[in-house]
Structure formats: C-alpha cells, structure tokens
C-alpha atoms as a PDB file:
ATOM      1  CA  MET A   1      36.347 -18.209 -84.126  1.00  0.00           C
ATOM      2  CA  ARG A   2      35.939 -18.959 -80.470  1.00  0.00           C
ATOM      3  CA  THR A   3      32.470 -19.878 -79.491  1.00  0.00           C
ATOM      4  CA  SER A   4      30.449 -20.404 -76.318  1.00  0.00           C
ATOM      5  CA  LEU A   5      27.786 -22.436 -78.148  1.00  0.00           C
ATOM      6  CA  LEU A   6      27.630 -25.999 -76.929  1.00  0.00           C
ATOM      7  CA  LEU A   7      26.098 -28.837 -78.882  1.00  0.00           C
ATOM      8  CA  LEU A   8      23.854 -30.629 -76.490  1.00  0.00           C
ATOM      9  CA  LEU A   9      22.851 -34.087 -77.662  1.00  0.00           C
ATOM     10  CA  ALA A  10      20.142 -35.822 -75.758  1.00  0.00           C
ATOM     11  CA  CYS A  11      20.241 -39.617 -75.918  1.00  0.00           C
ATOM     12  CA  CYS A  12      18.226 -40.726 -78.818  1.00  0.00           C
ATOM     13  CA  GLY A  13      16.572 -37.333 -79.023  1.00  0.00           C
ATOM     14  CA  THR A  14      16.787 -34.027 -80.922  1.00  0.00           C
ATOM     15  CA  PRO A  15      19.905 -31.878 -80.732  1.00  0.00           C
ATOM     16  CA  LYS A  16      19.747 -28.581 -78.943  1.00  0.00           C
ATOM     17  CA  LEU A  17      21.861 -25.408 -79.057  1.00  0.00           C
ATOM     18  CA  ALA A  18      22.588 -23.236 -76.094  1.00  0.00           C
ATOM     19  CA  THR A  19      21.622 -19.590 -76.917  1.00  0.00           C
ATOM     20  CA  PRO A  20      23.306 -16.410 -75.714  1.00  0.00           C
ATOM     21  CA  ASP A  21      20.736 -16.056 -72.870  1.00  0.00           C
ATOM     22  CA  GLY A  22      21.385 -19.579 -71.593  1.00  0.00           C
ATOM     23  CA  ALA A  23      18.221 -21.111 -73.052  1.00  0.00           C
ATOM     24  CA  THR A  24      18.248 -24.053 -75.353  1.00  0.00           C
ATOM     25  CA  GLU A  25      16.562 -24.305 -78.727  1.00  0.00           C
ATOM     26  CA  LEU A  26      15.649 -27.384 -80.759  1.00  0.00           C
ATOM     27  CA  VAL A  27      17.657 -27.829 -83.881  1.00  0.00           C
ATOM     28  CA  ASP A  28      16.395 -29.840 -86.807  1.00  0.00           C
ATOM     29  CA  ALA A  29      18.332 -33.037 -87.190  1.00  0.00           C
ATOM     30  CA  ASP A  30      18.703 -32.327 -90.871  1.00  0.00           C
ATOM     31  CA  VAL A  31      20.589 -29.105 -90.063  1.00  0.00           C
ATOM     32  CA  ILE A  32      23.074 -30.501 -87.565  1.00  0.00           C
ATOM     33  CA  THR A  33      24.182 -34.068 -87.187  1.00  0.00           C
ATOM     34  CA  SER A  34      26.879 -35.561 -84.951  1.00  0.00           C
ATOM     35  CA  ASP A  35      27.966 -38.483 -87.145  1.00  0.00           C
ATOM     36  CA  ALA A  36      31.149 -36.754 -88.561  1.00  0.00           C
ATOM     37  CA  GLU A  37      34.502 -38.308 -87.928  1.00  0.00           C
ATOM     38  CA  VAL A  38      37.216 -36.428 -85.973  1.00  0.00           C
ATOM     39  CA  GLY A  39      39.909 -38.418 -87.957  1.00  0.00           C
ATOM     40  CA  SER A  40      43.315 -36.794 -87.831  1.00  0.00           C
ATOM     41  CA  ALA A  41      41.950 -33.263 -87.103  1.00  0.00           C
ATOM     42  CA  MET A  42      43.992 -31.261 -84.612  1.00  0.00           C
ATOM     43  CA  CYS A  43      43.002 -28.065 -82.741  1.00  0.00           C
ATOM     44  CA  SER A  44      45.419 -25.185 -83.297  1.00  0.00           C
ATOM     45  CA  GLY A  45      43.644 -22.243 -81.618  1.00  0.00           C
ATOM     46  CA  THR A  46      44.770 -20.801 -78.264  1.00  0.00           C
ATOM     47  CA  ASN A  47      41.239 -21.100 -76.796  1.00  0.00           C
ATOM     48  CA  GLY A  48      38.787 -23.985 -76.654  1.00  0.00           C
ATOM     49  CA  GLY A  49      35.407 -23.719 -78.461  1.00  0.00           C
ATOM     50  CA  ALA A  50      33.695 -24.711 -81.664  1.00  0.00           C
ATOM     51  CA  TYR A  51      35.501 -24.090 -84.989  1.00  0.00           C
ATOM     52  CA  CYS A  52      34.869 -24.969 -88.638  1.00  0.00           C
ATOM     53  CA  GLY A  53      37.471 -27.111 -90.278  1.00  0.00           C
ATOM     54  CA  GLY A  54      40.397 -24.952 -91.437  1.00  0.00           C
ATOM     55  CA  ASP A  55      39.546 -22.233 -88.785  1.00  0.00           C
ATOM     56  CA  HIS A  56      42.016 -23.181 -85.955  1.00  0.00           C
ATOM     57  CA  VAL A  57      41.452 -26.843 -86.836  1.00  0.00           C
ATOM     58  CA  THR A  58      44.078 -28.474 -89.170  1.00  0.00           C
ATOM     59  CA  ASN A  59      43.665 -31.661 -91.208  1.00  0.00           C
ATOM     60  CA  ALA A  60      39.970 -31.004 -91.032  1.00  0.00           C
ATOM     61  CA  ASP A  61      36.847 -30.846 -93.234  1.00  0.00           C
ATOM     62  CA  PRO A  62      35.701 -27.240 -93.899  1.00  0.00           C
ATOM     63  CA  GLY A  63      32.139 -28.500 -93.919  1.00  0.00           C
ATOM     64  CA  THR A  64      32.338 -29.847 -90.377  1.00  0.00           C
ATOM     65  CA  LEU A  65      32.117 -28.043 -86.965  1.00  0.00           C
ATOM     66  CA  TYR A  66      34.667 -29.244 -84.383  1.00  0.00           C
ATOM     67  CA  GLU A  67      34.597 -28.920 -80.616  1.00  0.00           C
ATOM     68  CA  CYS A  68      38.100 -28.096 -79.474  1.00  0.00           C
ATOM     69  CA  PRO A  69      39.258 -28.406 -75.862  1.00  0.00           C
ATOM     70  CA  VAL A  70      42.688 -26.688 -75.984  1.00  0.00           C
ATOM     71  CA  ASP A  71      45.476 -25.966 -78.389  1.00  0.00           C
ATOM     72  CA  GLY A  72      47.391 -29.054 -79.605  1.00  0.00           C
ATOM     73  CA  GLU A  73      44.640 -31.562 -78.793  1.00  0.00           C
ATOM     74  CA  PRO A  74      42.278 -33.404 -81.104  1.00  0.00           C
ATOM     75  CA  PRO A  75      38.604 -32.270 -81.173  1.00  0.00           C
ATOM     76  CA  THR A  76      36.267 -33.897 -78.691  1.00  0.00           C
ATOM     77  CA  SER A  77      33.525 -34.120 -81.276  1.00  0.00           C
ATOM     78  CA  ALA A  78      32.725 -33.326 -84.866  1.00  0.00           C
ATOM     79  CA  THR A  79      29.421 -32.170 -86.310  1.00  0.00           C
ATOM     80  CA  ALA A  80      28.636 -32.493 -90.014  1.00  0.00           C
ATOM     81  CA  CYS A  81      27.101 -29.350 -91.529  1.00  0.00           C
ATOM     82  CA  PRO A  82      25.097 -30.418 -94.588  1.00  0.00           C
ATOM     83  CA  ASP A  83      24.573 -26.834 -95.776  1.00  0.00           C
ATOM     84  CA  GLY A  84      28.091 -25.697 -94.943  1.00  0.00           C
ATOM     85  CA  CYS A  85      30.019 -24.458 -91.865  1.00  0.00           C
ATOM     86  CA  LYS A  86      30.209 -20.665 -91.483  1.00  0.00           C
ATOM     87  CA  VAL A  87      33.398 -19.115 -90.223  1.00  0.00           C
ATOM     88  CA  GLU A  88      32.505 -15.944 -88.285  1.00  0.00           C
ATOM     89  CA  PRO A  89      34.589 -12.924 -87.386  1.00  0.00           C
ATOM     90  CA  SER A  90      36.620 -12.953 -84.169  1.00  0.00           C
ATOM     91  CA  GLY A  91      34.379 -13.012 -81.150  1.00  0.00           C
ATOM     92  CA  VAL A  92      31.450 -14.436 -83.016  1.00  0.00           C
ATOM     93  CA  GLU A  93      30.659 -18.203 -82.939  1.00  0.00           C
ATOM     94  CA  ASP A  94      31.413 -20.450 -85.889  1.00  0.00           C
ATOM     95  CA  ARG A  95      28.244 -22.395 -86.764  1.00  0.00           C
ATOM     96  CA  CYS A  96      26.534 -24.806 -89.086  1.00  0.00           C
ATOM     97  CA  VAL A  97      24.482 -22.972 -91.787  1.00  0.00           C
ATOM     98  CA  ALA A  98      20.762 -23.754 -91.426  1.00  0.00           C
ATOM     99  CA  PRO A  99      18.949 -24.375 -94.724  1.00  0.00           C
ATOM    100  CA  ALA A 100      16.361 -21.917 -95.902  1.00  0.00           C
ATOM    101  CA  SER A 101      13.118 -22.500 -97.658  1.00  0.00           C
ATOM    102  CA  ALA A 102      11.204 -20.034 -99.794  1.00  0.00           C
ATOM    103  CA  LYS A 103       8.774 -19.425 -96.980  1.00  0.00           C
ATOM    104  CA  SER A 104      11.248 -19.221 -94.074  1.00  0.00           C
ATOM    105  CA  TYR A 105      11.984 -16.118 -91.955  1.00  0.00           C
ATOM    106  CA  ARG A 106      15.318 -15.289 -90.444  1.00  0.00           C
ATOM    107  CA  LEU A 107      16.213 -12.468 -88.091  1.00  0.00           C
ATOM    108  CA  PRO A 108      16.685  -9.230 -90.116  1.00  0.00           C
ATOM    109  CA  TRP A 109      20.362  -8.498 -89.294  1.00  0.00           C
ATOM    110  CA  ARG A 110      23.720 -10.001 -89.977  1.00  0.00           C
ATOM    111  CA  PRO A 111      25.066 -12.850 -87.853  1.00  0.00           C
ATOM    112  CA  ALA A 112      27.872 -10.711 -86.440  1.00  0.00           C
ATOM    113  CA  THR A 113      25.345  -8.244 -84.949  1.00  0.00           C
ATOM    114  CA  THR A 114      24.379  -8.497 -81.300  1.00  0.00           C
ATOM    115  CA  MET A 115      20.783  -7.561 -80.561  1.00  0.00           C
ATOM    116  CA  ARG A 116      18.218  -7.245 -77.785  1.00  0.00           C
ATOM    117  CA  LEU A 117      14.493  -7.528 -77.915  1.00  0.00           C
ATOM    118  CA  THR A 118      13.276  -4.266 -76.403  1.00  0.00           C
ATOM    119  CA  GLN A 119       9.570  -4.666 -76.932  1.00  0.00           C
ATOM    120  CA  ASP A 120       7.861  -8.029 -77.415  1.00  0.00           C
ATOM    121  CA  CYS A 121       4.856  -9.038 -79.410  1.00  0.00           C
ATOM    122  CA  ASN A 122       1.530  -8.542 -77.452  1.00  0.00           C
ATOM    123  CA  ASP A 123       3.613  -6.526 -75.001  1.00  0.00           C
ATOM    124  CA  SER A 124       1.865  -5.073 -71.940  1.00  0.00           C
ATOM    125  CA  CYS A 125       4.157  -2.012 -71.608  1.00  0.00           C
ATOM    126  CA  CYS A 126       2.532   0.053 -74.297  1.00  0.00           C
ATOM    127  CA  SER A 127      -0.468   0.310 -76.630  1.00  0.00           C
ATOM    128  CA  ASP A 128       1.166  -0.349 -79.976  1.00  0.00           C
ATOM    129  CA  HIS A 129       2.119  -4.074 -79.999  1.00  0.00           C
ATOM    130  CA  VAL A 130      -1.343  -5.283 -79.181  1.00  0.00           C
ATOM    131  CA  GLY A 131      -4.656  -5.932 -80.983  1.00  0.00           C
ATOM    132  CA  THR A 132      -4.389  -6.052 -84.727  1.00  0.00           C
ATOM    133  CA  ASP A 133      -0.639  -5.243 -84.297  1.00  0.00           C
ATOM    134  CA  LYS A 134      -0.041  -8.016 -81.806  1.00  0.00           C
ATOM    135  CA  TYR A 135       2.792  -9.708 -83.679  1.00  0.00           C
ATOM    136  CA  ALA A 136       5.271  -6.772 -83.846  1.00  0.00           C
ATOM    137  CA  TYR A 137       8.738  -6.677 -82.376  1.00  0.00           C
ATOM    138  CA  ASP A 138      11.249  -3.892 -81.492  1.00  0.00           C
ATOM    139  CA  TRP A 139      14.910  -4.643 -81.600  1.00  0.00           C
ATOM    140  CA  ALA A 140      17.941  -2.461 -80.640  1.00  0.00           C
ATOM    141  CA  ASN A 141      21.580  -2.707 -79.833  1.00  0.00           C
ATOM    142  CA  GLY A 142      22.611   0.777 -78.745  1.00  0.00           C
ATOM    143  CA  GLY A 143      23.314   2.183 -82.192  1.00  0.00           C
ATOM    144  CA  SER A 144      22.523   1.894 -85.919  1.00  0.00           C
ATOM    145  CA  PHE A 145      22.748  -1.432 -87.586  1.00  0.00           C
ATOM    146  CA  GLY A 146      22.262  -2.935 -90.978  1.00  0.00           C
ATOM    147  CA  VAL A 147      18.843  -4.314 -91.768  1.00  0.00           C
ATOM    148  CA  VAL A 148      18.524  -7.292 -94.026  1.00  0.00           C
ATOM    149  CA  ALA A 149      15.481  -9.006 -95.511  1.00  0.00           C
ATOM    150  CA  ALA A 150      13.926 -11.518 -93.158  1.00  0.00           C
ATOM    151  CA  ARG A 151      12.334 -13.167 -96.126  1.00  0.00           C
ATOM    152  CA  GLY A 152      12.468 -12.543 -99.888  1.00  0.00           C
ATOM    153  CA  GLY A 153       9.891 -10.806-102.019  1.00  0.00           C
ATOM    154  CA  ARG A 154       9.086  -7.587-103.867  1.00  0.00           C
ATOM    155  CA  ILE A 155       9.364  -4.130-102.307  1.00  0.00           C
ATOM    156  CA  THR A 156       5.901  -2.529-102.537  1.00  0.00           C
ATOM    157  CA  HIS A 157       6.161   0.505-100.251  1.00  0.00           C
ATOM    158  CA  LEU A 158       9.246   2.656 -99.592  1.00  0.00           C
ATOM    159  CA  LYS A 159       9.985   5.992 -97.933  1.00  0.00           C
ATOM    160  CA  ILE A 160      13.564   6.971 -96.900  1.00  0.00           C
ATOM    161  CA  ASN A 161      13.681  10.803 -97.170  1.00  0.00           C
ATOM    162  CA  SER A 162      12.849  11.731 -93.503  1.00  0.00           C
ATOM    163  CA  THR A 163      15.460  12.652 -90.910  1.00  0.00           C
ATOM    164  CA  THR A 164      12.938  13.488 -88.199  1.00  0.00           C
ATOM    165  CA  GLY A 165      11.716  11.621 -85.187  1.00  0.00           C
ATOM    166  CA  CYS A 166      10.564  12.311 -81.668  1.00  0.00           C
ATOM    167  CA  ALA A 167       8.916  10.645 -78.568  1.00  0.00           C
ATOM    168  CA  SER A 168       5.499  12.022 -79.441  1.00  0.00           C
ATOM    169  CA  SER A 169       2.790  10.704 -81.745  1.00  0.00           C
ATOM    170  CA  SER A 170       3.094  14.101 -83.467  1.00  0.00           C
ATOM    171  CA  CYS A 171       6.033  12.618 -85.394  1.00  0.00           C
ATOM    172  CA  SER A 172       4.152   9.567 -86.650  1.00  0.00           C
ATOM    173  CA  GLN A 173       4.075  10.947 -90.194  1.00  0.00           C
ATOM    174  CA  ASP A 174       7.875  11.390 -90.212  1.00  0.00           C
ATOM    175  CA  ALA A 175       8.743   7.686 -90.211  1.00  0.00           C
ATOM    176  CA  ASN A 176      10.725   5.927 -92.869  1.00  0.00           C
ATOM    177  CA  TYR A 177       9.717   2.390 -93.908  1.00  0.00           C
ATOM    178  CA  LEU A 178      10.207  -0.408 -96.314  1.00  0.00           C
ATOM    179  CA  VAL A 179       7.559  -3.098 -97.021  1.00  0.00           C
ATOM    180  CA  ILE A 180       8.231  -6.453 -98.816  1.00  0.00           C
ATOM    181  CA  ASP A 181       5.316  -8.428-100.262  1.00  0.00           C
ATOM    182  CA  HIS A 182       6.084 -12.167 -99.993  1.00  0.00           C
ATOM    183  CA  GLY A 183       3.696 -13.237-102.713  1.00  0.00           C
ATOM    184  CA  ASP A 184       1.445 -15.335-100.423  1.00  0.00           C
ATOM    185  CA  GLY A 185      -0.819 -12.589 -99.086  1.00  0.00           C
ATOM    186  CA  THR A 186       1.630 -11.493 -96.359  1.00  0.00           C
ATOM    187  CA  GLN A 187       4.173  -8.708 -96.126  1.00  0.00           C
ATOM    188  CA  SER A 188       7.010  -7.668 -93.826  1.00  0.00           C
ATOM    189  CA  THR A 189       7.246  -4.035 -92.673  1.00  0.00           C
ATOM    190  CA  TYR A 190      10.561  -2.496 -91.548  1.00  0.00           C
ATOM    191  CA  PHE A 191       9.940   0.779 -89.702  1.00  0.00           C
ATOM    192  CA  HIS A 192      11.830   3.761 -88.318  1.00  0.00           C
ATOM    193  CA  LEU A 193      14.709   3.391 -90.908  1.00  0.00           C
ATOM    194  CA  LYS A 194      17.437   5.957 -91.000  1.00  0.00           C
ATOM    195  CA  GLY A 195      17.089   8.632 -93.709  1.00  0.00           C
ATOM    196  CA  ASP A 196      18.948   8.162 -96.994  1.00  0.00           C
ATOM    197  CA  SER A 197      20.358   4.802 -95.868  1.00  0.00           C
ATOM    198  CA  LEU A 198      19.149   2.480 -98.641  1.00  0.00           C
ATOM    199  CA  ALA A 199      21.604  -0.307 -99.546  1.00  0.00           C
ATOM    200  CA  ALA A 200      22.888  -0.491-103.078  1.00  0.00           C
ATOM    201  CA  GLY A 201      20.258  -1.740-105.656  1.00  0.00           C
ATOM    202  CA  ILE A 202      17.211  -1.245-103.259  1.00  0.00           C
ATOM    203  CA  THR A 203      14.275   0.428-105.028  1.00  0.00           C
ATOM    204  CA  CYS A 204      10.575   0.229-104.741  1.00  0.00           C
ATOM    205  CA  GLY A 205       9.336  -2.458-107.131  1.00  0.00           C
ATOM    206  CA  ALA A 206      12.539  -4.409-106.906  1.00  0.00           C
ATOM    207  CA  THR A 207      12.663  -8.040-105.921  1.00  0.00           C
ATOM    208  CA  VAL A 208      14.980  -8.956-103.006  1.00  0.00           C
ATOM    209  CA  ALA A 209      16.305 -12.187-101.571  1.00  0.00           C
ATOM    210  CA  GLN A 210      16.368 -13.275 -97.991  1.00  0.00           C
ATOM    211  CA  GLY A 211      19.436 -11.847 -96.330  1.00  0.00           C
ATOM    212  CA  GLN A 212      19.868  -8.992 -98.861  1.00  0.00           C
ATOM    213  CA  ALA A 213      20.937  -5.698 -97.359  1.00  0.00           C
ATOM    214  CA  LEU A 214      18.025  -3.172 -97.274  1.00  0.00           C
ATOM    215  CA  ALA A 215      18.849  -0.130 -95.157  1.00  0.00           C
ATOM    216  CA  THR A 216      20.048   1.051 -91.722  1.00  0.00           C
ATOM    217  CA  SER A 217      18.082   1.194 -88.527  1.00  0.00           C
ATOM    218  CA  GLY A 218      17.094   4.643 -87.289  1.00  0.00           C
ATOM    219  CA  THR A 219      14.825   6.653 -85.069  1.00  0.00           C
ATOM    220  CA  THR A 220      12.469   8.431 -87.581  1.00  0.00           C
ATOM    221  CA  GLY A 221       8.843   8.906 -86.746  1.00  0.00           C
ATOM    222  CA  HIS A 222       7.332   8.276 -83.307  1.00  0.00           C
ATOM    223  CA  SER A 223      10.428   6.838 -81.708  1.00  0.00           C
ATOM    224  CA  THR A 224      12.423   7.247 -78.491  1.00  0.00           C
ATOM    225  CA  GLY A 225      15.726   5.864 -79.848  1.00  0.00           C
ATOM    226  CA  ILE A 226      17.452   3.961 -82.674  1.00  0.00           C
ATOM    227  CA  HIS A 227      15.680   0.559 -83.211  1.00  0.00           C
ATOM    228  CA  LEU A 228      13.933  -1.553 -85.734  1.00  0.00           C
ATOM    229  CA  HIS A 229      10.176  -2.124 -85.576  1.00  0.00           C
ATOM    230  CA  TYR A 230       9.276  -5.331 -87.537  1.00  0.00           C
ATOM    231  CA  GLN A 231       6.060  -6.933 -88.227  1.00  0.00           C
ATOM    232  CA  VAL A 232       4.426  -9.366 -90.678  1.00  0.00           C
ATOM    233  CA  SER A 233       0.847  -8.650 -91.729  1.00  0.00           C
ATOM    234  CA  LYS A 234      -1.757  -9.219 -94.460  1.00  0.00           C
ATOM    235  CA  VAL A 235      -1.303  -7.434 -97.707  1.00  0.00           C
ATOM    236  CA  HIS A 236      -3.782  -4.671 -98.706  1.00  0.00           C
ATOM    237  CA  PRO A 237      -4.514  -6.074-102.196  1.00  0.00           C
ATOM    238  CA  ALA A 238      -6.103  -3.040-103.809  1.00  0.00           C
ATOM    239  CA  ALA A 239      -3.777  -0.377-102.293  1.00  0.00           C
ATOM    240  CA  PRO A 240      -1.415   1.843-104.313  1.00  0.00           C
ATOM    241  CA  THR A 241       2.281   0.920-104.186  1.00  0.00           C
ATOM    242  CA  CYS A 242       5.540   2.840-104.463  1.00  0.00           C
ATOM    243  CA  GLU A 243       3.828   5.967-103.348  1.00  0.00           C
ATOM    244  CA  CYS A 244       7.150   7.728-102.874  1.00  0.00           C
ATOM    245  CA  GLY A 245       8.604   6.648-106.198  1.00  0.00           C
ATOM    246  CA  ALA A 246      11.311   4.129-106.881  1.00  0.00           C
ATOM    247  CA  ASN A 247      13.865   5.811-104.728  1.00  0.00           C
ATOM    248  CA  GLY A 248      11.531   6.402-101.854  1.00  0.00           C
ATOM    249  CA  LYS A 249      11.994  10.147-101.860  1.00  0.00           C
ATOM    250  CA  GLN A 250       9.363  11.479-104.201  1.00  0.00           C
ATOM    251  CA  CYS A 251       6.854  12.385-101.448  1.00  0.00           C
ATOM    252  CA  SER A 252       6.625  14.540 -98.424  1.00  0.00           C
ATOM    253  CA  ALA A 253       9.112  13.654 -95.718  1.00  0.00           C
ATOM    254  CA  SER A 254       6.284  14.257 -93.194  1.00  0.00           C
ATOM    255  CA  SER A 255       3.717  11.956 -94.608  1.00  0.00           C
ATOM    256  CA  VAL A 256       3.061   8.209 -94.329  1.00  0.00           C
ATOM    257  CA  PRO A 257       0.228   6.444 -96.335  1.00  0.00           C
ATOM    258  CA  TYR A 258      -0.661   4.136 -93.425  1.00  0.00           C
ATOM    259  CA  ALA A 259      -3.958   3.117 -95.118  1.00  0.00           C
ATOM    260  CA  ASP A 260      -1.919   1.472 -97.866  1.00  0.00           C
ATOM    261  CA  PHE A 261       0.027  -1.000 -95.717  1.00  0.00           C
ATOM    262  CA  TRP A 262      -0.458  -0.709 -91.977  1.00  0.00           C
ATOM    263  CA  VAL A 263      -2.372  -3.253 -89.891  1.00  0.00           C
ATOM    264  CA  THR A 264      -6.114  -3.064 -89.572  1.00  0.00           C
ATOM    265  CA  SER A 265      -8.802  -5.483 -88.374  1.00  0.00           C
ATOM    266  CA  THR A 266      -9.102  -6.698 -92.046  1.00  0.00           C
ATOM    267  CA  TYR A 267      -5.340  -6.894 -92.506  1.00  0.00           C
ATOM    268  CA  PRO A 268      -3.909  -7.788 -89.084  1.00  0.00           C
ATOM    269  CA  SER A 269      -0.435  -8.759 -88.091  1.00  0.00           C
ATOM    270  CA  VAL A 270       0.471 -12.456 -88.396  1.00  0.00           C
ATOM    271  CA  GLY A 271       2.579 -14.590 -86.101  1.00  0.00           C
ATOM    272  CA  VAL A 272       5.580 -16.177 -87.742  1.00  0.00           C
ATOM    273  CA  THR A 273       8.474 -18.424 -86.636  1.00  0.00           C
ATOM    274  CA  PHE A 274      12.049 -17.516 -87.419  1.00  0.00           C
ATOM    275  CA  ASP A 275      14.576 -20.252 -88.293  1.00  0.00           C
ATOM    276  CA  ASP A 276      16.914 -18.797 -85.800  1.00  0.00           C
ATOM    277  CA  TRP A 277      14.287 -17.908 -83.142  1.00  0.00           C
ATOM    278  CA  PRO A 278      11.732 -20.683 -82.965  1.00  0.00           C
ATOM    279  CA  THR A 279       9.957 -19.225 -79.964  1.00  0.00           C
ATOM    280  CA  SER A 280       9.233 -15.826 -81.672  1.00  0.00           C
ATOM    281  CA  ALA A 281       5.460 -16.121 -81.444  1.00  0.00           C
ATOM    282  CA  ALA A 282       5.404 -17.002 -77.718  1.00  0.00           C
ATOM    283  CA  CYS A 283       4.634 -13.387 -76.709  1.00  0.00           C
ATOM    284  CA  ASN A 284       5.545 -12.884 -72.962  1.00  0.00           C
ATOM    285  CA  ASP A 285       6.770  -9.408 -72.246  1.00  0.00           C
ATOM    286  CA  ARG A 286      10.338 -10.598 -72.999  1.00  0.00           C
ATOM    287  CA  ARG A 287      13.391  -8.375 -72.665  1.00  0.00           C
ATOM    288  CA  ILE A 288      16.136 -10.693 -73.871  1.00  0.00           C
ATOM    289  CA  GLN A 289      19.461 -10.978 -75.691  1.00  0.00           C
ATOM    290  CA  MET A 290      18.508 -12.285 -79.098  1.00  0.00           C
ATOM    291  CA  PRO A 291      19.767 -15.611 -80.449  1.00  0.00           C
ATOM    292  CA  LEU A 292      22.505 -15.334 -83.137  1.00  0.00           C
ATOM    293  CA  SER A 293      21.119 -14.466 -86.493  1.00  0.00           C
ATOM    294  CA  GLN A 294      21.675 -17.010 -89.293  1.00  0.00           C
ATOM    295  CA  ASN A 295      20.726 -14.586 -92.008  1.00  0.00           C
ATOM    296  CA  ASP A 296      23.825 -14.619 -94.217  1.00  0.00           C
END
C-alpha cells in the first residue's frame, strides 16, 4: 500500500528509515539491502510510494520492496527483503520484515496500529516511571487496541476479571495484568488490560510466541484513560504464580498480588531495545508518535 517511508542510503554507510515523526533510525544491513534488480517491474498504483512486488507493482518479485514514482513508470529503486516483504492494509506502509531472535523485543501491538508514547521511561511528569520502575512506558491511541507479546515466554501471572478503574491510587488493586516470563530471569508486564478481553488460547501457564495476541488495552486500576503500561523487570524466582487461576478470574477483582511480580529494589525494571524502536532506552520525557510496529 502507499507509504511515506523513504529508504535513505548513505554512501558506503548503513541504511536508514524515516520514521513517522521525521526521525531516522538505523536499519541492520542484513534486514534491508539495496542490491535488488528493478528488471521489468512496472508501477501500477495511482500514487507513488513503496510497494512489495505484486502490490501495485507488476512483473515484480514479492520478496522485494520497490519505490514507485507514479503509475505506469518503472520503480526508481528495488530493495531485497531477505525475511520477506510485508503487504500492509490500505494507508499503512508496505515494508521489509525484520528478522527476530529468541531474545528480541518488538512493540506490543500490530503493525497497522498507530500509537503515541504518552509517558516515557524515567519521566519527570509523575512519580511512577522512576527509580526501580525507571524503564516503564505508557502507550495510547485514543481507544482500545489489541495487545500482542513483545517477546515470547510463559505466562506466570494473569488477572482479567476487573472492570474498574479511576484516577486515584485507591483503584490500584483493581488493575488487570498479564506477565510473561522470558526464561532468562526477566519478565514483561502488561498492565491496565480491559476486563474479560483475553485472546483465544491465552491462559496462565501457557507458552506464547512473540507477536501472539494477548488481550485488549483498557483503563483498569489506577488509570486516567485507556492505555497500555509496559515494563520489563527481574523475575521474583520464589513467588507464587497463576494466583487467579488459569483463566485469570479465580481471585478478587479488587486485589493485585504486587509482591509476586512488581518491581522492587531487588527486582528492578530493566532497559531493553526494541527491534522496531532502537532508541527505547534513551529516556527523555518524550511525547512522540511511535515508529511502526513490526510485530506480525
């Protein structure tokens, strides 16, 4: 589909991609290369932009991303996508798929979802994304959105039976959450989830893959609006797990066992780098349009 992403190739240097907020991010040369041949490919879309072969580009390789000027003209460049070229819905950029590793993180929503960072890590606005919880993020887009696994692992803590939230700390015990243990001493916490919103097959104790649908964002607990609070922290190795049962509902809707998974001085938050947001740990009171997720 039509895209505003421009492949910027520095002479003899590392490729960069322009992000939605105008910044540029380094892209691993193994992910995107510019040595593909345009050949007999022809642009057939009404608008210029970047398209995968077969998506408004005829006589083209589906595993290549083409830069089209206008309809009826050959592409001006072709970029080989070793891990595949992803055709996105109308209005969302076609792109090369970035390879994932077992230890990689990707933004926890689908590529077609637009998102803003509403509270940064180590943010000076409030008292919650600091200290032991320094590496926490709040994301929102004006409504509910599907939350997917930033990294794979086993679900160890799950509560999804609350429908209550408010702008006061008095609602802290009403939050819904899901925690994934990554098997290396770290875990991801997804907080403020919407009540009764688990995706199919999600239970406490289950193993999930990166990109697997988990639940829907919400505003349960101490929250002023629909958003996702996300953080990576050290695992509490001796803590109970699945306190609310496999379905996340076999406990009080107004109780959260924070001592079992929340950050402390012994088990603090951990800075991580997302494949699709390399500057994530550069905490700076940011309020930005997020880069496009690559979490398919």
